[in-house]
Amino acid sequence: LPAAVFVAALTVVIVTGLIEGRPLHPLPAPTQSDVTASVGILLVLAAFANGCAALTGVEAIANATPSFRRPRSQRAARAELGLGLTLGLLLLGLAVLIEHFGVRPVEGRTLLSLLAEGSIGTGGGYLVVQFATVVLLMLAANTSYGGLPVLLARLASDGALPHVFGLRADRQVYRSGLVVLTLLAGGLLAFSGGQVNVLVP
């Protein structure tokens, strides 16, 4: 449901913005930046990291293939195709909207927030876009807690990791994997200071 609300909200933002062809009201002036000359390998690595993060939805469908009804592989392939088309259309629509509106980075604001403000204003629709984005990001972040402890348990059963990762706790979860993941995530947050531009790469 959160994913469907997010896709529907972005579709409304894109269609409304393209029909209008210009922002509803003047958007904030872009933040001046002196780092435009520092492109190169770091920019490529950051783009690669962001791309890999964006692929987690594709990976989730691939990992869930055994959960599909029969014929599993065909249903999973159709789901992958649907996801790819949806993501591609949304990405292209947002890119066109960025050019139409002339949106540029503003400190403390995301491009999606600026596009939503320019397309549908700052009323209820804007709040739906922001709330759907937050909920979707929280659910996406939670997928690591579902997947990594299971992976660590399988590696432990093969002898590649200590056997403690394969032990289930009272609530039938792999406690050791959850603890290690939480410590690693906390360390990354502390190291990056919670800055997405540092954290994602």
Protein backbone atom coordinates (compact mmCIF):
# COMPACT_ATOMS: atom_id res chain seq x y z
CA LEU A 1 0.00 0.00 0.00
CA PRO A 2 2.74 2.59 0.80
CA ALA A 3 4.43 1.82 -2.52
CA ALA A 4 1.15 2.23 -4.41
CA VAL A 5 0.46 5.56 -2.66
CA PHE A 6 3.99 6.74 -3.47
CA VAL A 7 3.74 5.80 -7.15
CA ALA A 8 0.27 7.38 -7.44
CA ALA A 9 1.43 10.57 -5.71
CA LEU A 10 4.48 10.90 -7.97
CA THR A 11 2.31 10.27 -11.02
CA VAL A 12 0.03 13.13 -9.97
CA VAL A 13 3.07 15.39 -9.41
CA ILE A 14 4.51 14.56 -12.85
CA VAL A 15 1.27 14.80 -14.83
CA THR A 16 0.14 18.00 -13.10
CA GLY A 17 3.56 19.58 -13.52
CA LEU A 18 3.80 18.66 -17.20
CA ILE A 19 0.30 19.98 -17.91
CA GLU A 20 1.07 23.26 -16.11
CA GLY A 21 4.53 23.49 -17.67
CA ARG A 22 5.75 25.85 -14.93
CA PRO A 23 5.79 25.98 -11.11
CA LEU A 24 2.64 27.14 -9.31
CA HIS A 25 4.69 29.83 -7.57
CA PRO A 26 8.39 30.80 -7.60
CA LEU A 27 10.58 28.10 -6.09
CA PRO A 28 13.44 28.88 -3.68
CA ALA A 29 16.64 30.13 -5.28
CA PRO A 30 19.31 27.45 -5.76
CA THR A 31 22.10 27.25 -3.23
CA GLN A 32 25.44 28.50 -4.54
CA SER A 33 28.05 25.76 -4.55
CA ASP A 34 31.78 25.97 -5.15
CA VAL A 35 32.28 22.22 -5.58
CA THR A 36 31.12 21.96 -9.18
CA ALA A 37 34.72 21.63 -10.36
CA SER A 38 35.41 18.62 -8.15
CA VAL A 39 33.91 16.02 -10.46
CA GLY A 40 35.70 12.86 -11.44
CA ILE A 41 36.09 9.52 -9.76
CA LEU A 42 34.29 10.52 -6.53
CA LEU A 43 31.26 11.69 -8.48
CA VAL A 44 31.25 8.44 -10.47
CA LEU A 45 31.53 6.39 -7.27
CA ALA A 46 28.71 8.35 -5.62
CA ALA A 47 26.50 7.85 -8.69
CA PHE A 48 27.33 4.13 -8.69
CA ALA A 49 26.47 3.83 -4.98
CA ASN A 50 23.16 5.63 -5.46
CA GLY A 51 22.37 3.37 -8.43
CA CYS A 52 23.11 0.26 -6.37
CA ALA A 53 20.86 1.53 -3.59
CA ALA A 54 18.10 2.05 -6.16
CA LEU A 55 18.43 -1.58 -7.30
CA THR A 56 17.34 -3.01 -3.95
CA GLY A 57 13.74 -3.26 -5.18
CA VAL A 58 14.88 -5.44 -8.09
CA GLU A 59 16.89 -7.60 -5.70
CA ALA A 60 13.91 -7.95 -3.36
CA ILE A 61 11.74 -9.43 -6.12
CA ALA A 62 14.52 -11.78 -7.19
CA ASN A 63 15.00 -13.00 -3.60
CA ALA A 64 11.24 -13.50 -3.19
CA THR A 65 10.84 -15.68 -6.30
CA PRO A 66 10.08 -18.82 -4.18
CA SER A 67 7.16 -16.92 -2.58
CA PHE A 68 5.35 -16.35 -5.90
CA ARG A 69 2.51 -18.64 -7.00
CA ARG A 70 3.31 -21.13 -9.74
CA PRO A 71 4.70 -20.64 -12.32
CA ARG A 72 7.06 -18.75 -10.03
CA SER A 73 9.74 -17.68 -12.48
CA GLN A 74 7.25 -16.25 -15.00
CA ARG A 75 5.36 -14.33 -12.30
CA ALA A 76 8.61 -12.99 -10.84
CA ALA A 77 9.77 -11.96 -14.32
CA ARG A 78 6.52 -10.07 -14.91
CA ALA A 79 6.88 -8.37 -11.53
CA GLU A 80 10.46 -7.36 -12.41
CA LEU A 81 9.29 -5.98 -15.76
CA GLY A 82 6.49 -4.03 -14.09
CA LEU A 83 8.90 -2.62 -11.51
CA GLY A 84 11.40 -1.64 -14.20
CA LEU A 85 8.76 0.11 -16.30
CA THR A 86 7.33 1.92 -13.28
CA LEU A 87 10.74 3.10 -12.07
CA GLY A 88 11.81 4.09 -15.59
CA LEU A 89 8.68 6.12 -16.28
CA LEU A 90 8.84 7.86 -12.91
CA LEU A 91 12.53 8.67 -13.35
CA LEU A 92 12.03 10.04 -16.87
CA GLY A 93 8.97 12.01 -15.80
CA LEU A 94 10.81 13.57 -12.87
CA ALA A 95 13.83 14.36 -15.05
CA VAL A 96 11.63 16.15 -17.60
CA LEU A 97 9.89 18.01 -14.78
CA ILE A 98 13.24 19.13 -13.34
CA GLU A 99 14.14 20.66 -16.70
CA HIS A 100 10.70 22.26 -17.17
CA PHE A 101 10.80 23.86 -13.74
CA GLY A 102 14.51 24.66 -13.85
CA VAL A 103 14.88 23.10 -10.40
CA ARG A 104 18.37 23.21 -8.92
CA PRO A 105 19.66 22.04 -5.51
CA VAL A 106 18.50 24.04 -2.50
CA GLU A 107 20.17 23.44 0.85
CA GLY A 108 17.91 21.55 3.24
CA ARG A 109 15.43 20.50 0.52
CA THR A 110 15.18 17.44 -1.70
CA LEU A 111 14.52 17.74 -5.41
CA LEU A 112 11.34 15.71 -4.92
CA SER A 113 10.10 18.21 -2.34
CA LEU A 114 10.80 21.10 -4.71
CA LEU A 115 9.09 19.34 -7.62
CA ALA A 116 6.02 18.54 -5.51
CA GLU A 117 5.83 22.13 -4.30
CA GLY A 118 6.12 23.47 -7.83
CA SER A 119 3.62 21.02 -9.27
CA ILE A 120 0.85 20.74 -6.66
CA GLY A 121 1.69 23.44 -4.11
CA THR A 122 2.23 22.99 -0.39
CA GLY A 123 -1.22 21.73 0.60
CA GLY A 124 -2.50 18.23 1.29
CA GLY A 125 -1.03 16.70 -1.88
CA TYR A 126 2.44 17.93 -0.94
CA LEU A 127 2.10 16.36 2.51
CA VAL A 128 0.98 13.05 0.96
CA VAL A 129 4.11 13.00 -1.24
CA GLN A 130 6.39 13.75 1.73
CA PHE A 131 4.70 11.26 4.07
CA ALA A 132 4.62 8.49 1.44
CA THR A 133 8.33 9.05 0.78
CA VAL A 134 9.22 8.79 4.48
CA VAL A 135 7.15 5.63 5.00
CA LEU A 136 8.60 4.00 1.89
CA LEU A 137 12.18 4.82 2.95
CA MET A 138 11.52 3.35 6.41
CA LEU A 139 10.17 0.14 4.87
CA ALA A 140 13.12 -0.02 2.47
CA ALA A 141 15.58 0.41 5.33
CA ASN A 142 13.87 -2.44 7.19
CA THR A 143 14.56 -4.95 4.39
CA SER A 144 18.15 -5.31 5.62
CA TYR A 145 16.84 -6.64 8.93
CA GLY A 146 14.80 -9.23 7.07
CA GLY A 147 17.55 -10.35 4.71
CA LEU A 148 21.01 -10.03 6.27
CA PRO A 149 20.45 -12.19 9.39
CA VAL A 150 19.10 -14.99 7.17
CA LEU A 151 22.12 -14.68 4.85
CA LEU A 152 24.49 -14.77 7.83
CA ALA A 153 22.70 -17.88 9.14
CA ARG A 154 23.11 -19.65 5.81
CA LEU A 155 26.79 -18.70 5.67
CA ALA A 156 27.17 -20.01 9.22
CA SER A 157 25.55 -23.32 8.25
CA ASP A 158 28.15 -23.64 5.47
CA GLY A 159 30.94 -22.95 7.95
CA ALA A 160 31.88 -19.58 6.45
CA LEU A 161 30.90 -17.69 9.63
CA PRO A 162 30.78 -18.57 13.34
CA HIS A 163 27.91 -20.93 14.21
CA VAL A 164 26.40 -18.33 16.57
CA PHE A 165 24.91 -16.58 13.52
CA GLY A 166 22.80 -19.67 12.82
CA LEU A 167 21.22 -19.86 16.28
CA ARG A 168 17.61 -18.70 16.63
CA ALA A 169 16.45 -16.77 19.68
CA ASP A 170 13.19 -17.28 21.60
CA ARG A 171 11.23 -15.25 19.03
CA GLN A 172 12.63 -17.34 16.15
CA VAL A 173 14.93 -14.60 14.88
CA TYR A 174 18.67 -14.73 14.32
CA ARG A 175 19.60 -12.48 17.24
CA SER A 176 23.34 -12.38 16.53
CA GLY A 177 22.77 -11.20 12.96
CA LEU A 178 20.35 -8.52 14.14
CA VAL A 179 22.80 -7.27 16.78
CA VAL A 180 25.71 -7.13 14.32
CA LEU A 181 23.57 -5.35 11.72
CA THR A 182 22.36 -2.82 14.30
CA LEU A 183 25.93 -2.10 15.46
CA LEU A 184 27.16 -1.71 11.88
CA ALA A 185 24.25 0.58 10.97
CA GLY A 186 24.80 2.65 14.11
CA GLY A 187 28.50 2.94 13.31
CA LEU A 188 27.74 4.10 9.77
CA LEU A 189 25.27 6.68 11.05
CA ALA A 190 27.80 8.00 13.58
CA PHE A 191 30.59 8.07 10.97
CA SER A 192 28.47 9.90 8.38
CA GLY A 193 26.74 12.20 10.84
CA GLY A 194 23.47 11.14 9.22
CA GLN A 195 24.35 12.95 5.99
CA VAL A 196 22.85 11.04 3.07
CA ASN A 197 25.54 12.28 0.66
CA VAL A 198 28.14 10.54 2.82
CA LEU A 199 26.04 7.64 4.07
CA VAL A 200 24.85 6.19 0.75
CA PRO A 201 28.30 5.94 -0.90
